[in-house]
Amino acid sequence: MISPKKVIIEMQLVVAIMIADLVISQVSTTVSEAVLLNKPAILVNFENLAGAETYVDHAICLYARDREEPRSTIEKAFEPSVRATMGSAPAKFVYDCFCKTDGSCSASRQTAGSENELLT
């Protein structure tokens, strides 16, 4: 068994996400980073922690609530229809969760015409 104190990846998190086929994370900004890098993600929330709602509501990742779900959720993450759904949701997520908070994307959105054009 791997000790929780052992470093598994000795690189920057963003590099690890970039080379990953799938990102699995607990409630953290890692899911947001995966979405921004166009990577499919699974959010595991075994402890029912607050904060998962935004990710789930925006359908940007799959969600596993108990320890029996991850295996089937991983398999599901590679289904083309599921990947297509996750791939179409990031623009609205970025607009709703990031642009509204920094105050500068409103002008960009008016210029671009829609949140879908923000990421292109």
PDB file of N, CA and C in Angstrom:
ATOM      1  N   MET A   1       0.841  -1.189   0.000  1.00  0.00           N
ATOM      2  CA  MET A   1       0.000   0.000   0.000  1.00  0.00           C
ATOM      3  C   MET A   1       0.878   1.241   0.000  1.00  0.00           C
ATOM      4  N   ILE A   2       0.473   2.235  -0.759  1.00  0.00           N
ATOM      5  CA  ILE A   2       1.224   3.492  -0.852  1.00  0.00           C
ATOM      6  C   ILE A   2       0.924   4.352   0.364  1.00  0.00           C
ATOM      7  N   SER A   3       1.966   4.844   0.972  1.00  0.00           N
ATOM      8  CA  SER A   3       1.810   5.731   2.120  1.00  0.00           C
ATOM      9  C   SER A   3       1.214   7.053   1.657  1.00  0.00           C
ATOM     10  N   PRO A   4       0.249   7.615   2.406  1.00  0.00           N
ATOM     11  CA  PRO A   4      -0.325   8.917   2.022  1.00  0.00           C
ATOM     12  C   PRO A   4       0.714  10.032   1.972  1.00  0.00           C
ATOM     13  N   LYS A   5       1.847   9.820   2.625  1.00  0.00           N
ATOM     14  CA  LYS A   5       2.884  10.842   2.638  1.00  0.00           C
ATOM     15  C   LYS A   5       3.826  10.726   1.445  1.00  0.00           C
ATOM     16  N   LYS A   6       3.732   9.644   0.687  1.00  0.00           N
ATOM     17  CA  LYS A   6       4.621   9.438  -0.456  1.00  0.00           C
ATOM     18  C   LYS A   6       4.161  10.286  -1.644  1.00  0.00           C
ATOM     19  N   VAL A   7       5.101  10.940  -2.277  1.00  0.00           N
ATOM     20  CA  VAL A   7       4.805  11.722  -3.467  1.00  0.00           C
ATOM     21  C   VAL A   7       4.728  10.769  -4.648  1.00  0.00           C
ATOM     22  N   ILE A   8       3.594  10.740  -5.313  1.00  0.00           N
ATOM     23  CA  ILE A   8       3.417   9.833  -6.443  1.00  0.00           C
ATOM     24  C   ILE A   8       3.862  10.499  -7.738  1.00  0.00           C
ATOM     25  N   ILE A   9       3.517  11.764  -7.908  1.00  0.00           N
ATOM     26  CA  ILE A   9       3.874  12.496  -9.122  1.00  0.00           C
ATOM     27  C   ILE A   9       4.802  13.638  -8.726  1.00  0.00           C
ATOM     28  N   GLU A  10       5.987  13.647  -9.287  1.00  0.00           N
ATOM     29  CA  GLU A  10       6.948  14.688  -8.961  1.00  0.00           C
ATOM     30  C   GLU A  10       7.019  15.711 -10.102  1.00  0.00           C
ATOM     31  N   MET A  11       5.892  16.375 -10.358  1.00  0.00           N
ATOM     32  CA  MET A  11       5.830  17.418 -11.378  1.00  0.00           C
ATOM     33  C   MET A  11       4.703  18.367 -11.007  1.00  0.00           C
ATOM     34  N   GLN A  12       4.569  19.433 -11.732  1.00  0.00           N
ATOM     35  CA  GLN A  12       3.477  20.361 -11.492  1.00  0.00           C
ATOM     36  C   GLN A  12       2.151  19.676 -11.821  1.00  0.00           C
ATOM     37  N   LEU A  13       1.127  19.994 -11.052  1.00  0.00           N
ATOM     38  CA  LEU A  13      -0.184  19.384 -11.251  1.00  0.00           C
ATOM     39  C   LEU A  13      -0.704  19.617 -12.659  1.00  0.00           C
ATOM     40  N   VAL A  14      -0.533  20.807 -13.190  1.00  0.00           N
ATOM     41  CA  VAL A  14      -1.046  21.109 -14.527  1.00  0.00           C
ATOM     42  C   VAL A  14      -0.391  20.204 -15.575  1.00  0.00           C
ATOM     43  N   VAL A  15       0.875  19.876 -15.402  1.00  0.00           N
ATOM     44  CA  VAL A  15       1.557  18.972 -16.338  1.00  0.00           C
ATOM     45  C   VAL A  15       0.961  17.572 -16.220  1.00  0.00           C
ATOM     46  N   ALA A  16       0.720  17.125 -15.002  1.00  0.00           N
ATOM     47  CA  ALA A  16       0.115  15.815 -14.786  1.00  0.00           C
ATOM     48  C   ALA A  16      -1.274  15.746 -15.420  1.00  0.00           C
ATOM     49  N   ILE A  17      -2.048  16.802 -15.291  1.00  0.00           N
ATOM     50  CA  ILE A  17      -3.382  16.840 -15.898  1.00  0.00           C
ATOM     51  C   ILE A  17      -3.265  16.812 -17.424  1.00  0.00           C
ATOM     52  N   MET A  18      -2.326  17.552 -17.962  1.00  0.00           N
ATOM     53  CA  MET A  18      -2.170  17.618 -19.417  1.00  0.00           C
ATOM     54  C   MET A  18      -1.854  16.252 -20.024  1.00  0.00           C
ATOM     55  N   ILE A  19      -1.098  15.421 -19.326  1.00  0.00           N
ATOM     56  CA  ILE A  19      -0.729  14.125 -19.894  1.00  0.00           C
ATOM     57  C   ILE A  19      -1.705  13.013 -19.515  1.00  0.00           C
ATOM     58  N   ALA A  20      -2.664  13.329 -18.659  1.00  0.00           N
ATOM     59  CA  ALA A  20      -3.635  12.317 -18.212  1.00  0.00           C
ATOM     60  C   ALA A  20      -4.715  12.067 -19.257  1.00  0.00           C
ATOM     61  N   ASP A  21      -5.204  10.827 -19.297  1.00  0.00           N
ATOM     62  CA  ASP A  21      -6.365  10.503 -20.124  1.00  0.00           C
ATOM     63  C   ASP A  21      -7.654  10.827 -19.386  1.00  0.00           C
ATOM     64  N   LEU A  22      -7.595  10.796 -18.068  1.00  0.00           N
ATOM     65  CA  LEU A  22      -8.761  11.011 -17.213  1.00  0.00           C
ATOM     66  C   LEU A  22      -8.266  11.539 -15.876  1.00  0.00           C
ATOM     67  N   VAL A  23      -8.958  12.531 -15.324  1.00  0.00           N
ATOM     68  CA  VAL A  23      -8.593  13.104 -14.023  1.00  0.00           C
ATOM     69  C   VAL A  23      -9.640  12.677 -13.003  1.00  0.00           C
ATOM     70  N   ILE A  24      -9.178  12.128 -11.890  1.00  0.00           N
ATOM     71  CA  ILE A  24     -10.062  11.731 -10.794  1.00  0.00           C
ATOM     72  C   ILE A  24      -9.640  12.538  -9.577  1.00  0.00           C
ATOM     73  N   SER A  25     -10.593  13.232  -8.975  1.00  0.00           N
ATOM     74  CA  SER A  25     -10.267  14.123  -7.863  1.00  0.00           C
ATOM     75  C   SER A  25     -11.394  14.153  -6.849  1.00  0.00           C
ATOM     76  N   GLN A  26     -11.031  14.511  -5.636  1.00  0.00           N
ATOM     77  CA  GLN A  26     -12.039  14.837  -4.639  1.00  0.00           C
ATOM     78  C   GLN A  26     -12.475  16.270  -4.913  1.00  0.00           C
ATOM     79  N   VAL A  27     -13.354  16.797  -4.080  1.00  0.00           N
ATOM     80  CA  VAL A  27     -13.798  18.181  -4.246  1.00  0.00           C
ATOM     81  C   VAL A  27     -12.568  19.089  -4.123  1.00  0.00           C
ATOM     82  N   SER A  28     -12.188  19.677  -5.252  1.00  0.00           N
ATOM     83  CA  SER A  28     -11.038  20.578  -5.276  1.00  0.00           C
ATOM     84  C   SER A  28     -11.028  21.307  -6.608  1.00  0.00           C
ATOM     85  N   THR A  29     -10.153  22.268  -6.728  1.00  0.00           N
ATOM     86  CA  THR A  29     -10.052  23.007  -7.980  1.00  0.00           C
ATOM     87  C   THR A  29      -9.411  22.166  -9.080  1.00  0.00           C
ATOM     88  N   THR A  30      -8.915  20.995  -8.746  1.00  0.00           N
ATOM     89  CA  THR A  30      -8.322  20.121  -9.756  1.00  0.00           C
ATOM     90  C   THR A  30      -9.337  19.796 -10.847  1.00  0.00           C
ATOM     91  N   VAL A  31     -10.612  19.632 -10.470  1.00  0.00           N
ATOM     92  CA  VAL A  31     -11.650  19.367 -11.469  1.00  0.00           C
ATOM     93  C   VAL A  31     -11.768  20.567 -12.412  1.00  0.00           C
ATOM     94  N   SER A  32     -11.753  21.773 -11.868  1.00  0.00           N
ATOM     95  CA  SER A  32     -11.807  22.977 -12.709  1.00  0.00           C
ATOM     96  C   SER A  32     -10.618  23.030 -13.648  1.00  0.00           C
ATOM     97  N   GLU A  33      -9.446  22.714 -13.135  1.00  0.00           N
ATOM     98  CA  GLU A  33      -8.244  22.745 -13.966  1.00  0.00           C
ATOM     99  C   GLU A  33      -8.333  21.714 -15.084  1.00  0.00           C
ATOM    100  N   ALA A  34      -8.865  20.538 -14.776  1.00  0.00           N
ATOM    101  CA  ALA A  34      -9.038  19.505 -15.800  1.00  0.00           C
ATOM    102  C   ALA A  34      -9.981  20.001 -16.895  1.00  0.00           C
ATOM    103  N   VAL A  35     -11.067  20.627 -16.491  1.00  0.00           N
ATOM    104  CA  VAL A  35     -12.040  21.140 -17.455  1.00  0.00           C
ATOM    105  C   VAL A  35     -11.403  22.209 -18.332  1.00  0.00           C
ATOM    106  N   LEU A  36     -10.646  23.113 -17.725  1.00  0.00           N
ATOM    107  CA  LEU A  36      -9.986  24.173 -18.489  1.00  0.00           C
ATOM    108  C   LEU A  36      -8.973  23.612 -19.485  1.00  0.00           C
ATOM    109  N   LEU A  37      -8.427  22.426 -19.173  1.00  0.00           N
ATOM    110  CA  LEU A  37      -7.474  21.774 -20.066  1.00  0.00           C
ATOM    111  C   LEU A  37      -8.151  20.730 -20.958  1.00  0.00           C
ATOM    112  N   ASN A  38      -9.485  20.749 -20.970  1.00  0.00           N
ATOM    113  CA  ASN A  38     -10.281  19.873 -21.829  1.00  0.00           C
ATOM    114  C   ASN A  38     -10.044  18.388 -21.559  1.00  0.00           C
ATOM    115  N   LYS A  39      -9.939  18.037 -20.285  1.00  0.00           N
ATOM    116  CA  LYS A  39      -9.751  16.641 -19.884  1.00  0.00           C
ATOM    117  C   LYS A  39     -11.012  16.144 -19.196  1.00  0.00           C
ATOM    118  N   PRO A  40     -11.431  14.919 -19.478  1.00  0.00           N
ATOM    119  CA  PRO A  40     -12.576  14.371 -18.763  1.00  0.00           C
ATOM    120  C   PRO A  40     -12.209  14.169 -17.292  1.00  0.00           C
ATOM    121  N   ALA A  41     -13.195  14.336 -16.416  1.00  0.00           N
ATOM    122  CA  ALA A  41     -12.918  14.253 -14.979  1.00  0.00           C
ATOM    123  C   ALA A  41     -14.023  13.496 -14.249  1.00  0.00           C
ATOM    124  N   ILE A  42     -13.615  12.860 -13.169  1.00  0.00           N
ATOM    125  CA  ILE A  42     -14.545  12.224 -12.244  1.00  0.00           C
ATOM    126  C   ILE A  42     -14.324  12.860 -10.884  1.00  0.00           C
ATOM    127  N   LEU A  43     -15.391  13.323 -10.290  1.00  0.00           N
ATOM    128  CA  LEU A  43     -15.346  13.892  -8.949  1.00  0.00           C
ATOM    129  C   LEU A  43     -15.814  12.817  -7.979  1.00  0.00           C
ATOM    130  N   VAL A  44     -14.935  12.394  -7.079  1.00  0.00           N
ATOM    131  CA  VAL A  44     -15.329  11.421  -6.057  1.00  0.00           C
ATOM    132  C   VAL A  44     -15.612  12.176  -4.767  1.00  0.00           C
ATOM    133  N   ASN A  45     -16.710  11.833  -4.130  1.00  0.00           N
ATOM    134  CA  ASN A  45     -17.138  12.550  -2.931  1.00  0.00           C
ATOM    135  C   ASN A  45     -17.673  11.543  -1.919  1.00  0.00           C
ATOM    136  N   PHE A  46     -16.773  10.702  -1.405  1.00  0.00           N
ATOM    137  CA  PHE A  46     -17.157   9.648  -0.471  1.00  0.00           C
ATOM    138  C   PHE A  46     -17.637  10.188   0.869  1.00  0.00           C
ATOM    139  N   GLU A  47     -17.202  11.368   1.223  1.00  0.00           N
ATOM    140  CA  GLU A  47     -17.546  11.950   2.529  1.00  0.00           C
ATOM    141  C   GLU A  47     -18.711  12.928   2.440  1.00  0.00           C
ATOM    142  N   ASN A  48     -19.319  13.045   1.270  1.00  0.00           N
ATOM    143  CA  ASN A  48     -20.452  13.953   1.053  1.00  0.00           C
ATOM    144  C   ASN A  48     -20.103  15.398   1.435  1.00  0.00           C
ATOM    145  N   LEU A  49     -18.949  15.843   0.979  1.00  0.00           N
ATOM    146  CA  LEU A  49     -18.493  17.201   1.263  1.00  0.00           C
ATOM    147  C   LEU A  49     -19.246  18.207   0.401  1.00  0.00           C
ATOM    148  N   ALA A  50     -19.431  19.389   0.930  1.00  0.00           N
ATOM    149  CA  ALA A  50     -20.064  20.465   0.162  1.00  0.00           C
ATOM    150  C   ALA A  50     -19.097  20.930  -0.920  1.00  0.00           C
ATOM    151  N   GLY A  51     -19.639  21.449  -1.995  1.00  0.00           N
ATOM    152  CA  GLY A  51     -18.814  22.009  -3.047  1.00  0.00           C
ATOM    153  C   GLY A  51     -18.910  21.266  -4.360  1.00  0.00           C
ATOM    154  N   ALA A  52     -19.489  20.080  -4.354  1.00  0.00           N
ATOM    155  CA  ALA A  52     -19.594  19.286  -5.576  1.00  0.00           C
ATOM    156  C   ALA A  52     -20.733  19.753  -6.472  1.00  0.00           C
ATOM    157  N   GLU A  53     -21.679  20.463  -5.901  1.00  0.00           N
ATOM    158  CA  GLU A  53     -22.905  20.820  -6.619  1.00  0.00           C
ATOM    159  C   GLU A  53     -22.642  21.581  -7.912  1.00  0.00           C
ATOM    160  N   THR A  54     -21.750  22.535  -7.871  1.00  0.00           N
ATOM    161  CA  THR A  54     -21.475  23.354  -9.055  1.00  0.00           C
ATOM    162  C   THR A  54     -20.960  22.490 -10.194  1.00  0.00           C
ATOM    163  N   TYR A  55     -20.048  21.591  -9.887  1.00  0.00           N
ATOM    164  CA  TYR A  55     -19.495  20.716 -10.922  1.00  0.00           C
ATOM    165  C   TYR A  55     -20.578  19.807 -11.498  1.00  0.00           C
ATOM    166  N   VAL A  56     -21.373  19.214 -10.629  1.00  0.00           N
ATOM    167  CA  VAL A  56     -22.427  18.285 -11.057  1.00  0.00           C
ATOM    168  C   VAL A  56     -23.512  19.027 -11.826  1.00  0.00           C
ATOM    169  N   ASP A  57     -23.941  20.177 -11.321  1.00  0.00           N
ATOM    170  CA  ASP A  57     -25.000  20.955 -11.979  1.00  0.00           C
ATOM    171  C   ASP A  57     -24.603  21.386 -13.390  1.00  0.00           C
ATOM    172  N   HIS A  58     -23.327  21.650 -13.601  1.00  0.00           N
ATOM    173  CA  HIS A  58     -22.854  22.064 -14.925  1.00  0.00           C
ATOM    174  C   HIS A  58     -22.502  20.873 -15.822  1.00  0.00           C
ATOM    175  N   ALA A  59     -22.611  19.657 -15.294  1.00  0.00           N
ATOM    176  CA  ALA A  59     -22.348  18.424 -16.064  1.00  0.00           C
ATOM    177  C   ALA A  59     -20.967  18.412 -16.701  1.00  0.00           C
ATOM    178  N   ILE A  60     -19.975  18.942 -15.991  1.00  0.00           N
ATOM    179  CA  ILE A  60     -18.625  18.977 -16.549  1.00  0.00           C
ATOM    180  C   ILE A  60     -17.807  17.759 -16.165  1.00  0.00           C
ATOM    181  N   CYS A  61     -18.341  16.958 -15.251  1.00  0.00           N
ATOM    182  CA  CYS A  61     -17.621  15.770 -14.819  1.00  0.00           C
ATOM    183  C   CYS A  61     -18.620  14.698 -14.405  1.00  0.00           C
ATOM    184  N   LEU A  62     -18.111  13.501 -14.262  1.00  0.00           N
ATOM    185  CA  LEU A  62     -18.928  12.436 -13.692  1.00  0.00           C
ATOM    186  C   LEU A  62     -18.774  12.501 -12.188  1.00  0.00           C
ATOM    187  N   TYR A  63     -19.670  11.859 -11.476  1.00  0.00           N
ATOM    188  CA  TYR A  63     -19.719  11.996 -10.018  1.00  0.00           C
ATOM    189  C   TYR A  63     -19.861  10.620  -9.379  1.00  0.00           C
ATOM    190  N   ALA A  64     -19.003  10.326  -8.426  1.00  0.00           N
ATOM    191  CA  ALA A  64     -19.064   9.063  -7.683  1.00  0.00           C
ATOM    192  C   ALA A  64     -19.222   9.376  -6.200  1.00  0.00           C
ATOM    193  N   ARG A  65     -20.281   8.853  -5.604  1.00  0.00           N
ATOM    194  CA  ARG A  65     -20.590   9.158  -4.198  1.00  0.00           C
ATOM    195  C   ARG A  65     -20.125   8.092  -3.207  1.00  0.00           C
ATOM    196  N   ASP A  66     -19.981   6.858  -3.689  1.00  0.00           N
ATOM    197  CA  ASP A  66     -19.547   5.817  -2.756  1.00  0.00           C
ATOM    198  C   ASP A  66     -18.418   4.999  -3.364  1.00  0.00           C
ATOM    199  N   ARG A  67     -17.782   4.209  -2.544  1.00  0.00           N
ATOM    200  CA  ARG A  67     -16.572   3.492  -2.942  1.00  0.00           C
ATOM    201  C   ARG A  67     -16.812   2.395  -3.976  1.00  0.00           C
ATOM    202  N   GLU A  68     -18.052   2.058  -4.232  1.00  0.00           N
ATOM    203  CA  GLU A  68     -18.380   1.041  -5.233  1.00  0.00           C
ATOM    204  C   GLU A  68     -18.520   1.629  -6.626  1.00  0.00           C
ATOM    205  N   GLU A  69     -18.682   2.929  -6.749  1.00  0.00           N
ATOM    206  CA  GLU A  69     -18.957   3.573  -8.035  1.00  0.00           C
ATOM    207  C   GLU A  69     -17.748   3.835  -8.938  1.00  0.00           C
ATOM    208  N   PRO A  70     -16.567   4.106  -8.416  1.00  0.00           N
ATOM    209  CA  PRO A  70     -15.479   4.563  -9.298  1.00  0.00           C
ATOM    210  C   PRO A  70     -15.179   3.666 -10.489  1.00  0.00           C
ATOM    211  N   ARG A  71     -15.165   2.359 -10.307  1.00  0.00           N
ATOM    212  CA  ARG A  71     -14.811   1.481 -11.428  1.00  0.00           C
ATOM    213  C   ARG A  71     -15.779   1.659 -12.609  1.00  0.00           C
ATOM    214  N   SER A  72     -17.069   1.588 -12.336  1.00  0.00           N
ATOM    215  CA  SER A  72     -18.043   1.741 -13.424  1.00  0.00           C
ATOM    216  C   SER A  72     -18.044   3.169 -13.961  1.00  0.00           C
ATOM    217  N   THR A  73     -17.754   4.130 -13.102  1.00  0.00           N
ATOM    218  CA  THR A  73     -17.702   5.528 -13.531  1.00  0.00           C
ATOM    219  C   THR A  73     -16.506   5.758 -14.458  1.00  0.00           C
ATOM    220  N   ILE A  74     -15.391   5.120 -14.168  1.00  0.00           N
ATOM    221  CA  ILE A  74     -14.213   5.228 -15.037  1.00  0.00           C
ATOM    222  C   ILE A  74     -14.544   4.655 -16.419  1.00  0.00           C
ATOM    223  N   GLU A  75     -15.180   3.500 -16.440  1.00  0.00           N
ATOM    224  CA  GLU A  75     -15.557   2.898 -17.717  1.00  0.00           C
ATOM    225  C   GLU A  75     -16.511   3.812 -18.478  1.00  0.00           C
ATOM    226  N   LYS A  76     -17.456   4.392 -17.767  1.00  0.00           N
ATOM    227  CA  LYS A  76     -18.432   5.291 -18.379  1.00  0.00           C
ATOM    228  C   LYS A  76     -17.756   6.532 -18.959  1.00  0.00           C
ATOM    229  N   ALA A  77     -16.706   7.008 -18.313  1.00  0.00           N
ATOM    230  CA  ALA A  77     -16.015   8.228 -18.751  1.00  0.00           C
ATOM    231  C   ALA A  77     -15.423   8.100 -20.152  1.00  0.00           C
ATOM    232  N   PHE A  78     -15.184   6.881 -20.597  1.00  0.00           N
ATOM    233  CA  PHE A  78     -14.589   6.684 -21.918  1.00  0.00           C
ATOM    234  C   PHE A  78     -15.623   6.400 -23.005  1.00  0.00           C
ATOM    235  N   GLU A  79     -16.904   6.399 -22.645  1.00  0.00           N
ATOM    236  CA  GLU A  79     -17.956   6.231 -23.650  1.00  0.00           C
ATOM    237  C   GLU A  79     -18.058   7.520 -24.471  1.00  0.00           C
ATOM    238  N   PRO A  80     -18.122   7.413 -25.803  1.00  0.00           N
ATOM    239  CA  PRO A  80     -18.154   8.608 -26.655  1.00  0.00           C
ATOM    240  C   PRO A  80     -19.285   9.589 -26.314  1.00  0.00           C
ATOM    241  N   SER A  81     -20.475   9.088 -26.005  1.00  0.00           N
ATOM    242  CA  SER A  81     -21.586   9.998 -25.713  1.00  0.00           C
ATOM    243  C   SER A  81     -21.352  10.771 -24.410  1.00  0.00           C
ATOM    244  N   VAL A  82     -20.749  10.118 -23.434  1.00  0.00           N
ATOM    245  CA  VAL A  82     -20.460  10.772 -22.157  1.00  0.00           C
ATOM    246  C   VAL A  82     -19.373  11.817 -22.356  1.00  0.00           C
ATOM    247  N   ARG A  83     -18.352  11.480 -23.100  1.00  0.00           N
ATOM    248  CA  ARG A  83     -17.272  12.441 -23.365  1.00  0.00           C
ATOM    249  C   ARG A  83     -17.792  13.645 -24.136  1.00  0.00           C
ATOM    250  N   ALA A  84     -18.724  13.405 -25.050  1.00  0.00           N
ATOM    251  CA  ALA A  84     -19.309  14.513 -25.816  1.00  0.00           C
ATOM    252  C   ALA A  84     -20.093  15.447 -24.901  1.00  0.00           C
ATOM    253  N   THR A  85     -20.844  14.884 -23.971  1.00  0.00           N
ATOM    254  CA  THR A  85     -21.608  15.710 -23.023  1.00  0.00           C
ATOM    255  C   THR A  85     -20.674  16.531 -22.154  1.00  0.00           C
ATOM    256  N   MET A  86     -19.637  15.888 -21.591  1.00  0.00           N
ATOM    257  CA  MET A  86     -18.684  16.618 -20.758  1.00  0.00           C
ATOM    258  C   MET A  86     -17.935  17.662 -21.577  1.00  0.00           C
ATOM    259  N   GLY A  87     -17.655  17.360 -22.835  1.00  0.00           N
ATOM    260  CA  GLY A  87     -16.915  18.278 -23.687  1.00  0.00           C
ATOM    261  C   GLY A  87     -17.695  19.507 -24.114  1.00  0.00           C
ATOM    262  N   SER A  88     -19.027  19.419 -24.071  1.00  0.00           N
ATOM    263  CA  SER A  88     -19.835  20.566 -24.497  1.00  0.00           C
ATOM    264  C   SER A  88     -20.188  21.508 -23.349  1.00  0.00           C
ATOM    265  N   ALA A  89     -19.935  21.120 -22.126  1.00  0.00           N
ATOM    266  CA  ALA A  89     -20.346  21.906 -20.961  1.00  0.00           C
ATOM    267  C   ALA A  89     -19.342  22.951 -20.460  1.00  0.00           C
ATOM    268  N   PRO A  90     -18.058  22.852 -20.740  1.00  0.00           N
ATOM    269  CA  PRO A  90     -17.092  23.781 -20.124  1.00  0.00           C
ATOM    270  C   PRO A  90     -17.322  25.261 -20.354  1.00  0.00           C
ATOM    271  N   ALA A  91     -17.778  25.669 -21.515  1.00  0.00           N
ATOM    272  CA  ALA A  91     -17.927  27.106 -21.783  1.00  0.00           C
ATOM    273  C   ALA A  91     -18.882  27.760 -20.792  1.00  0.00           C
ATOM    274  N   LYS A  92     -20.024  27.128 -20.550  1.00  0.00           N
ATOM    275  CA  LYS A  92     -20.978  27.694 -19.596  1.00  0.00           C
ATOM    276  C   LYS A  92     -20.406  27.658 -18.181  1.00  0.00           C
ATOM    277  N   PHE A  93     -19.715  26.579 -17.831  1.00  0.00           N
ATOM    278  CA  PHE A  93     -19.081  26.471 -16.516  1.00  0.00           C
ATOM    279  C   PHE A  93     -18.069  27.600 -16.315  1.00  0.00           C
ATOM    280  N   VAL A  94     -17.209  27.816 -17.297  1.00  0.00           N
ATOM    281  CA  VAL A  94     -16.196  28.872 -17.195  1.00  0.00           C
ATOM    282  C   VAL A  94     -16.865  30.229 -17.061  1.00  0.00           C
ATOM    283  N   TYR A  95     -17.879  30.474 -17.863  1.00  0.00           N
ATOM    284  CA  TYR A  95     -18.572  31.757 -17.780  1.00  0.00           C
ATOM    285  C   TYR A  95     -19.231  31.940 -16.415  1.00  0.00           C
ATOM    286  N   ASP A  96     -19.997  30.953 -15.971  1.00  0.00           N
ATOM    287  CA  ASP A  96     -20.730  31.070 -14.710  1.00  0.00           C
ATOM    288  C   ASP A  96     -19.820  31.130 -13.491  1.00  0.00           C
ATOM    289  N   CYS A  97     -18.743  30.365 -13.503  1.00  0.00           N
ATOM    290  CA  CYS A  97     -17.925  30.226 -12.297  1.00  0.00           C
ATOM    291  C   CYS A  97     -16.678  31.102 -12.263  1.00  0.00           C
ATOM    292  N   PHE A  98     -16.212  31.550 -13.404  1.00  0.00           N
ATOM    293  CA  PHE A  98     -14.992  32.350 -13.414  1.00  0.00           C
ATOM    294  C   PHE A  98     -15.216  33.765 -13.921  1.00  0.00           C
ATOM    295  N   CYS A  99     -15.898  33.902 -15.036  1.00  0.00           N
ATOM    296  CA  CYS A  99     -16.068  35.232 -15.630  1.00  0.00           C
ATOM    297  C   CYS A  99     -16.856  36.175 -14.740  1.00  0.00           C
ATOM    298  N   LYS A 100     -17.872  35.669 -14.095  1.00  0.00           N
ATOM    299  CA  LYS A 100     -18.695  36.533 -13.243  1.00  0.00           C
ATOM    300  C   LYS A 100     -17.944  36.990 -12.002  1.00  0.00           C
ATOM    301  N   THR A 101     -16.940  36.236 -11.578  1.00  0.00           N
ATOM    302  CA  THR A 101     -16.240  36.599 -10.348  1.00  0.00           C
ATOM    303  C   THR A 101     -15.091  37.559 -10.578  1.00  0.00           C
ATOM    304  N   ASP A 102     -14.473  37.529 -11.767  1.00  0.00           N
ATOM    305  CA  ASP A 102     -13.329  38.419 -11.953  1.00  0.00           C
ATOM    306  C   ASP A 102     -13.721  39.786 -12.506  1.00  0.00           C
ATOM    307  N   GLY A 103     -14.951  39.904 -12.976  1.00  0.00           N
ATOM    308  CA  GLY A 103     -15.453  41.208 -13.387  1.00  0.00           C
ATOM    309  C   GLY A 103     -15.018  41.677 -14.751  1.00  0.00           C
ATOM    310  N   SER A 104     -14.108  40.960 -15.401  1.00  0.00           N
ATOM    311  CA  SER A 104     -13.639  41.437 -16.690  1.00  0.00           C
ATOM    312  C   SER A 104     -14.200  40.664 -17.878  1.00  0.00           C
ATOM    313  N   CYS A 105     -14.821  39.540 -17.626  1.00  0.00           N
ATOM    314  CA  CYS A 105     -15.333  38.751 -18.752  1.00  0.00           C
ATOM    315  C   CYS A 105     -16.655  39.285 -19.283  1.00  0.00           C
ATOM    316  N   SER A 106     -17.339  40.101 -18.535  1.00  0.00           N
ATOM    317  CA  SER A 106     -18.616  40.622 -19.014  1.00  0.00           C
ATOM    318  C   SER A 106     -18.431  41.371 -20.323  1.00  0.00           C
ATOM    319  N   ALA A 107     -17.412  42.188 -20.401  1.00  0.00           N
ATOM    320  CA  ALA A 107     -17.146  42.925 -21.632  1.00  0.00           C
ATOM    321  C   ALA A 107     -16.756  41.967 -22.747  1.00  0.00           C
ATOM    322  N   SER A 108     -15.969  40.937 -22.413  1.00  0.00           N
ATOM    323  CA  SER A 108     -15.581  39.947 -23.408  1.00  0.00           C
ATOM    324  C   SER A 108     -16.798  39.205 -23.924  1.00  0.00           C
ATOM    325  N   ARG A 109     -17.727  38.896 -23.052  1.00  0.00           N
ATOM    326  CA  ARG A 109     -18.926  38.158 -23.457  1.00  0.00           C
ATOM    327  C   ARG A 109     -19.766  39.016 -24.388  1.00  0.00           C
ATOM    328  N   GLN A 110     -19.896  40.299 -24.080  1.00  0.00           N
ATOM    329  CA  GLN A 110     -20.673  41.178 -24.954  1.00  0.00           C
ATOM    330  C   GLN A 110     -20.025  41.273 -26.330  1.00  0.00           C
ATOM    331  N   THR A 111     -18.703  41.313 -26.355  1.00  0.00           N
ATOM    332  CA  THR A 111     -17.988  41.387 -27.615  1.00  0.00           C
ATOM    333  C   THR A 111     -18.092  40.068 -28.372  1.00  0.00           C
ATOM    334  N   ALA A 112     -17.949  38.951 -27.664  1.00  0.00           N
ATOM    335  CA  ALA A 112     -17.969  37.637 -28.297  1.00  0.00           C
ATOM    336  C   ALA A 112     -19.360  37.222 -28.694  1.00  0.00           C
ATOM    337  N   GLY A 113     -20.357  37.632 -27.925  1.00  0.00           N
ATOM    338  CA  GLY A 113     -21.736  37.299 -28.261  1.00  0.00           C
ATOM    339  C   GLY A 113     -22.312  36.155 -27.456  1.00  0.00           C
ATOM    340  N   SER A 114     -21.487  35.248 -26.967  1.00  0.00           N
ATOM    341  CA  SER A 114     -21.986  34.155 -26.146  1.00  0.00           C
ATOM    342  C   SER A 114     -20.851  33.537 -25.358  1.00  0.00           C
ATOM    343  N   GLU A 115     -21.211  32.808 -24.302  1.00  0.00           N
ATOM    344  CA  GLU A 115     -20.170  32.166 -23.500  1.00  0.00           C
ATOM    345  C   GLU A 115     -19.461  31.083 -24.289  1.00  0.00           C
ATOM    346  N   ASN A 116     -20.092  30.491 -25.302  1.00  0.00           N
ATOM    347  CA  ASN A 116     -19.415  29.463 -26.101  1.00  0.00           C
ATOM    348  C   ASN A 116     -18.242  30.023 -26.879  1.00  0.00           C
ATOM    349  N   GLU A 117     -18.284  31.280 -27.219  1.00  0.00           N
ATOM    350  CA  GLU A 117     -17.198  31.875 -27.978  1.00  0.00           C
ATOM    351  C   GLU A 117     -16.031  32.305 -27.086  1.00  0.00           C
ATOM    352  N   LEU A 118     -16.212  32.265 -25.779  1.00  0.00           N
ATOM    353  CA  LEU A 118     -15.133  32.666 -24.878  1.00  0.00           C
ATOM    354  C   LEU A 118     -13.954  31.716 -24.951  1.00  0.00           C
ATOM    355  N   LEU A 119     -14.210  30.456 -25.231  1.00  0.00           N
ATOM    356  CA  LEU A 119     -13.147  29.457 -25.199  1.00  0.00           C
ATOM    357  C   LEU A 119     -12.528  29.203 -26.562  1.00  0.00           C
ATOM    358  N   THR A 120     -12.992  29.890 -27.577  1.00  0.00           N
ATOM    359  CA  THR A 120     -12.435  29.651 -28.904  1.00  0.00           C
ATOM    360  C   THR A 120     -11.413  30.689 -29.274  1.00  0.00           C
TER     361      THR A 120
END
